[in-house]
Amino acid sequence: MELRNHSDDQGQSAKEVPFFPNVLLAEVSLAIAVIGLLAIFVSLFPLKLGEKFDPLNPPTILEPEWYFMGVYQFLKTQSVQPFHGILLLVAFGIFLVMVPFVDRGSERRPLRRPFFTAFALFAIVEFLALTIYGYMSPGQVGSFSDSGFVSVLAVVNLLALFLFTSVLAVSRRITRSEST
């Protein structure tokens, strides 16, 4: 972290702020403040636990937590074999791990990296749609013969494709305006 002093045109060197103790102290104090706010909110609004699990009378519909619901809905879609679903999710995870090694550009702004920004928006929309559909249809298997499932899937894919192409178009427009 640097503080630049541009008031002097005679080449005055940059005034640097040392990481230890200045920046580290600011980060630690912010972390303590966030933990304090979290403790206040937890004590004011306690979360009640769910029903105690009874192995002799289990619930009829078992569903995962919200962060696994999109993956669960994808895997319980009819015509998706478990092996193919798991293979696709592993490939997606490997791609996410490899992104920093593949995208070696120095640019940090998302619109200057259109492919990865568009891919991220596409993945987020698909995951959110599968999560919402999973909560709206508990215990049901998504079938391609069901017109509701196919229409929701088509609308979500068209929305994701629209976001993908709009990010690419905005990126092209920005690069064209800079080159002229």
Protein backbone atom coordinates (compact mmCIF):
# COMPACT_ATOMS: atom_id res chain seq x y z
CA MET A 1 0.00 0.00 0.00
CA GLU A 2 1.51 3.26 -1.10
CA LEU A 3 0.62 6.87 -0.55
CA ARG A 4 1.79 9.03 -3.41
CA ASN A 5 2.49 12.70 -2.95
CA HIS A 6 2.02 14.38 -6.35
CA SER A 7 2.38 17.96 -5.11
CA ASP A 8 6.08 18.10 -5.95
CA ASP A 9 7.08 17.87 -9.64
CA GLN A 10 10.80 17.54 -8.82
CA GLY A 11 10.65 13.72 -8.45
CA GLN A 12 9.88 13.38 -4.77
CA SER A 13 9.90 9.68 -3.87
CA ALA A 14 6.72 7.92 -2.85
CA LYS A 15 5.96 7.81 0.84
CA GLU A 16 5.38 4.18 1.71
CA VAL A 17 3.24 2.95 4.58
CA PRO A 18 4.79 -0.13 6.19
CA PHE A 19 2.63 -3.24 6.34
CA PHE A 20 3.69 -3.99 9.89
CA PRO A 21 2.32 -2.46 12.12
CA ASN A 22 0.17 0.10 10.22
CA VAL A 23 -1.79 -2.00 7.71
CA LEU A 24 -1.84 -5.09 9.92
CA LEU A 25 -3.24 -3.06 12.83
CA ALA A 26 -6.00 -1.64 10.62
CA GLU A 27 -6.95 -5.12 9.34
CA VAL A 28 -6.97 -6.66 12.82
CA SER A 29 -9.08 -3.83 14.24
CA LEU A 30 -11.57 -4.23 11.37
CA ALA A 31 -11.76 -8.01 12.00
CA ILE A 32 -12.39 -7.45 15.71
CA ALA A 33 -15.13 -4.91 14.91
CA VAL A 34 -16.85 -7.35 12.51
CA ILE A 35 -16.67 -10.16 15.08
CA GLY A 36 -18.13 -7.78 17.70
CA LEU A 37 -21.02 -6.83 15.40
CA LEU A 38 -21.62 -10.50 14.67
CA ALA A 39 -21.70 -11.28 18.40
CA ILE A 40 -24.19 -8.44 18.97
CA PHE A 41 -26.51 -9.64 16.19
CA VAL A 42 -26.30 -13.25 17.33
CA SER A 43 -27.20 -12.32 20.88
CA LEU A 44 -30.08 -10.05 19.80
CA PHE A 45 -31.52 -12.43 17.19
CA PRO A 46 -30.75 -16.01 18.23
CA LEU A 47 -31.38 -18.75 15.70
CA LYS A 48 -33.50 -21.62 16.91
CA LEU A 49 -32.43 -25.13 16.13
CA GLY A 50 -34.63 -27.38 14.04
CA GLU A 51 -36.43 -30.44 15.22
CA LYS A 52 -34.37 -33.16 16.82
CA PHE A 53 -33.82 -36.03 14.38
CA ASP A 54 -35.74 -39.16 15.25
CA PRO A 55 -34.30 -42.24 13.51
CA LEU A 56 -37.53 -44.17 14.08
CA ASN A 57 -39.60 -41.47 12.35
CA PRO A 58 -37.38 -39.85 9.68
CA PRO A 59 -38.63 -36.96 7.53
CA THR A 60 -40.15 -37.91 4.19
CA ILE A 61 -38.11 -35.44 2.14
CA LEU A 62 -34.42 -35.01 2.81
CA GLU A 63 -32.82 -31.95 1.28
CA PRO A 64 -29.35 -30.48 1.58
CA GLU A 65 -28.44 -27.03 2.79
CA TRP A 66 -28.84 -24.08 0.41
CA TYR A 67 -25.24 -24.14 -0.82
CA PHE A 68 -25.64 -27.72 -2.08
CA MET A 69 -29.19 -27.37 -3.38
CA GLY A 70 -28.21 -26.37 -6.95
CA VAL A 71 -25.86 -29.32 -7.27
CA TYR A 72 -28.45 -31.63 -5.70
CA GLN A 73 -31.12 -30.45 -8.14
CA PHE A 74 -28.76 -30.97 -11.05
CA LEU A 75 -27.95 -34.50 -9.91
CA LYS A 76 -31.60 -35.44 -9.35
CA THR A 77 -32.65 -34.33 -12.84
CA GLN A 78 -33.95 -37.24 -14.85
CA SER A 79 -31.66 -38.42 -17.69
CA VAL A 80 -28.56 -37.15 -15.86
CA GLN A 81 -26.57 -40.17 -14.81
CA PRO A 82 -24.79 -39.72 -11.46
CA PHE A 83 -21.41 -40.46 -13.03
CA HIS A 84 -21.90 -37.79 -15.71
CA GLY A 85 -23.15 -35.26 -13.18
CA ILE A 86 -20.21 -35.83 -10.87
CA LEU A 87 -17.79 -35.75 -13.82
CA LEU A 88 -19.22 -32.40 -14.94
CA LEU A 89 -19.00 -30.94 -11.42
CA VAL A 90 -15.40 -32.15 -11.01
CA ALA A 91 -14.48 -30.60 -14.39
CA PHE A 92 -16.11 -27.33 -13.28
CA GLY A 93 -14.15 -27.41 -10.01
CA ILE A 94 -10.87 -28.08 -11.84
CA PHE A 95 -11.64 -25.19 -14.20
CA LEU A 96 -12.23 -22.87 -11.23
CA VAL A 97 -8.91 -23.91 -9.71
CA MET A 98 -7.13 -23.41 -13.04
CA VAL A 99 -8.55 -19.92 -13.80
CA PRO A 100 -5.67 -18.02 -12.13
CA PHE A 101 -3.19 -20.03 -14.18
CA VAL A 102 -5.08 -19.65 -17.46
CA ASP A 103 -6.00 -15.97 -17.15
CA ARG A 104 -2.57 -14.42 -16.81
CA GLY A 105 -3.55 -10.90 -17.88
CA SER A 106 -2.61 -7.95 -15.73
CA GLU A 107 -6.02 -6.33 -16.12
CA ARG A 108 -8.20 -6.49 -13.01
CA ARG A 109 -11.45 -4.91 -14.23
CA PRO A 110 -14.13 -7.50 -15.03
CA LEU A 111 -15.22 -5.90 -18.31
CA ARG A 112 -11.64 -6.10 -19.57
CA ARG A 113 -11.73 -9.87 -19.04
CA PRO A 114 -14.94 -10.63 -20.91
CA PHE A 115 -14.73 -14.40 -21.25
CA PHE A 116 -14.17 -15.13 -17.58
CA THR A 117 -16.68 -12.49 -16.46
CA ALA A 118 -19.32 -13.87 -18.81
CA PHE A 119 -18.58 -17.44 -17.74
CA ALA A 120 -18.87 -16.45 -14.07
CA LEU A 121 -22.23 -14.74 -14.66
CA PHE A 122 -23.44 -17.79 -16.60
CA ALA A 123 -22.44 -20.15 -13.78
CA ILE A 124 -24.00 -17.93 -11.09
CA VAL A 125 -27.33 -17.67 -12.95
CA GLU A 126 -27.45 -21.43 -13.55
CA PHE A 127 -26.61 -22.23 -9.92
CA LEU A 128 -29.18 -19.78 -8.56
CA ALA A 129 -31.86 -21.08 -10.91
CA LEU A 130 -31.21 -24.69 -9.92
CA THR A 131 -31.21 -23.72 -6.24
CA ILE A 132 -34.51 -21.85 -6.52
CA TYR A 133 -36.07 -24.65 -8.57
CA GLY A 134 -34.87 -27.18 -5.99
CA TYR A 135 -36.60 -25.28 -3.19
CA MET A 136 -39.77 -24.79 -5.22
CA SER A 137 -40.07 -28.50 -6.04
CA PRO A 138 -39.01 -30.43 -2.92
CA GLY A 139 -38.68 -34.16 -3.41
CA GLN A 140 -39.52 -33.98 -7.12
CA VAL A 141 -37.23 -35.18 -9.87
CA GLY A 142 -36.85 -32.73 -12.74
CA SER A 143 -37.94 -34.39 -15.97
CA PHE A 144 -37.45 -33.23 -19.53
CA SER A 145 -40.96 -34.49 -20.30
CA ASP A 146 -42.40 -31.97 -17.80
CA SER A 147 -43.24 -28.75 -19.63
CA GLY A 148 -42.74 -26.60 -16.51
CA PHE A 149 -39.23 -27.91 -15.95
CA VAL A 150 -38.31 -27.45 -19.63
CA SER A 151 -39.73 -23.91 -19.75
CA VAL A 152 -37.90 -22.84 -16.57
CA LEU A 153 -34.69 -24.39 -17.90
CA ALA A 154 -35.12 -22.65 -21.28
CA VAL A 155 -35.81 -19.23 -19.72
CA VAL A 156 -32.83 -19.52 -17.38
CA ASN A 157 -30.51 -20.63 -20.17
CA LEU A 158 -31.70 -17.79 -22.42
CA LEU A 159 -31.13 -15.30 -19.59
CA ALA A 160 -27.66 -16.69 -18.95
CA LEU A 161 -26.86 -16.61 -22.68
CA PHE A 162 -28.10 -13.01 -22.86
CA LEU A 163 -25.82 -12.04 -19.96
CA PHE A 164 -22.91 -13.85 -21.62
CA THR A 165 -23.35 -12.05 -24.95
CA SER A 166 -24.01 -8.65 -23.35
CA VAL A 167 -20.77 -8.83 -21.36
CA LEU A 168 -18.88 -9.68 -24.54
CA ALA A 169 -20.59 -6.84 -26.44
CA VAL A 170 -19.86 -4.27 -23.72
CA SER A 171 -16.25 -5.40 -23.64
CA ARG A 172 -15.93 -5.00 -27.42
CA ARG A 173 -17.50 -1.55 -27.23
CA ILE A 174 -15.02 -0.49 -24.53
CA THR A 175 -12.00 -1.73 -26.49
CA ARG A 176 -13.25 -0.02 -29.69
CA SER A 177 -13.77 3.29 -27.89
CA GLU A 178 -10.26 3.15 -26.44
CA SER A 179 -8.58 2.31 -29.74
CA THR A 180 -10.10 5.36 -31.48
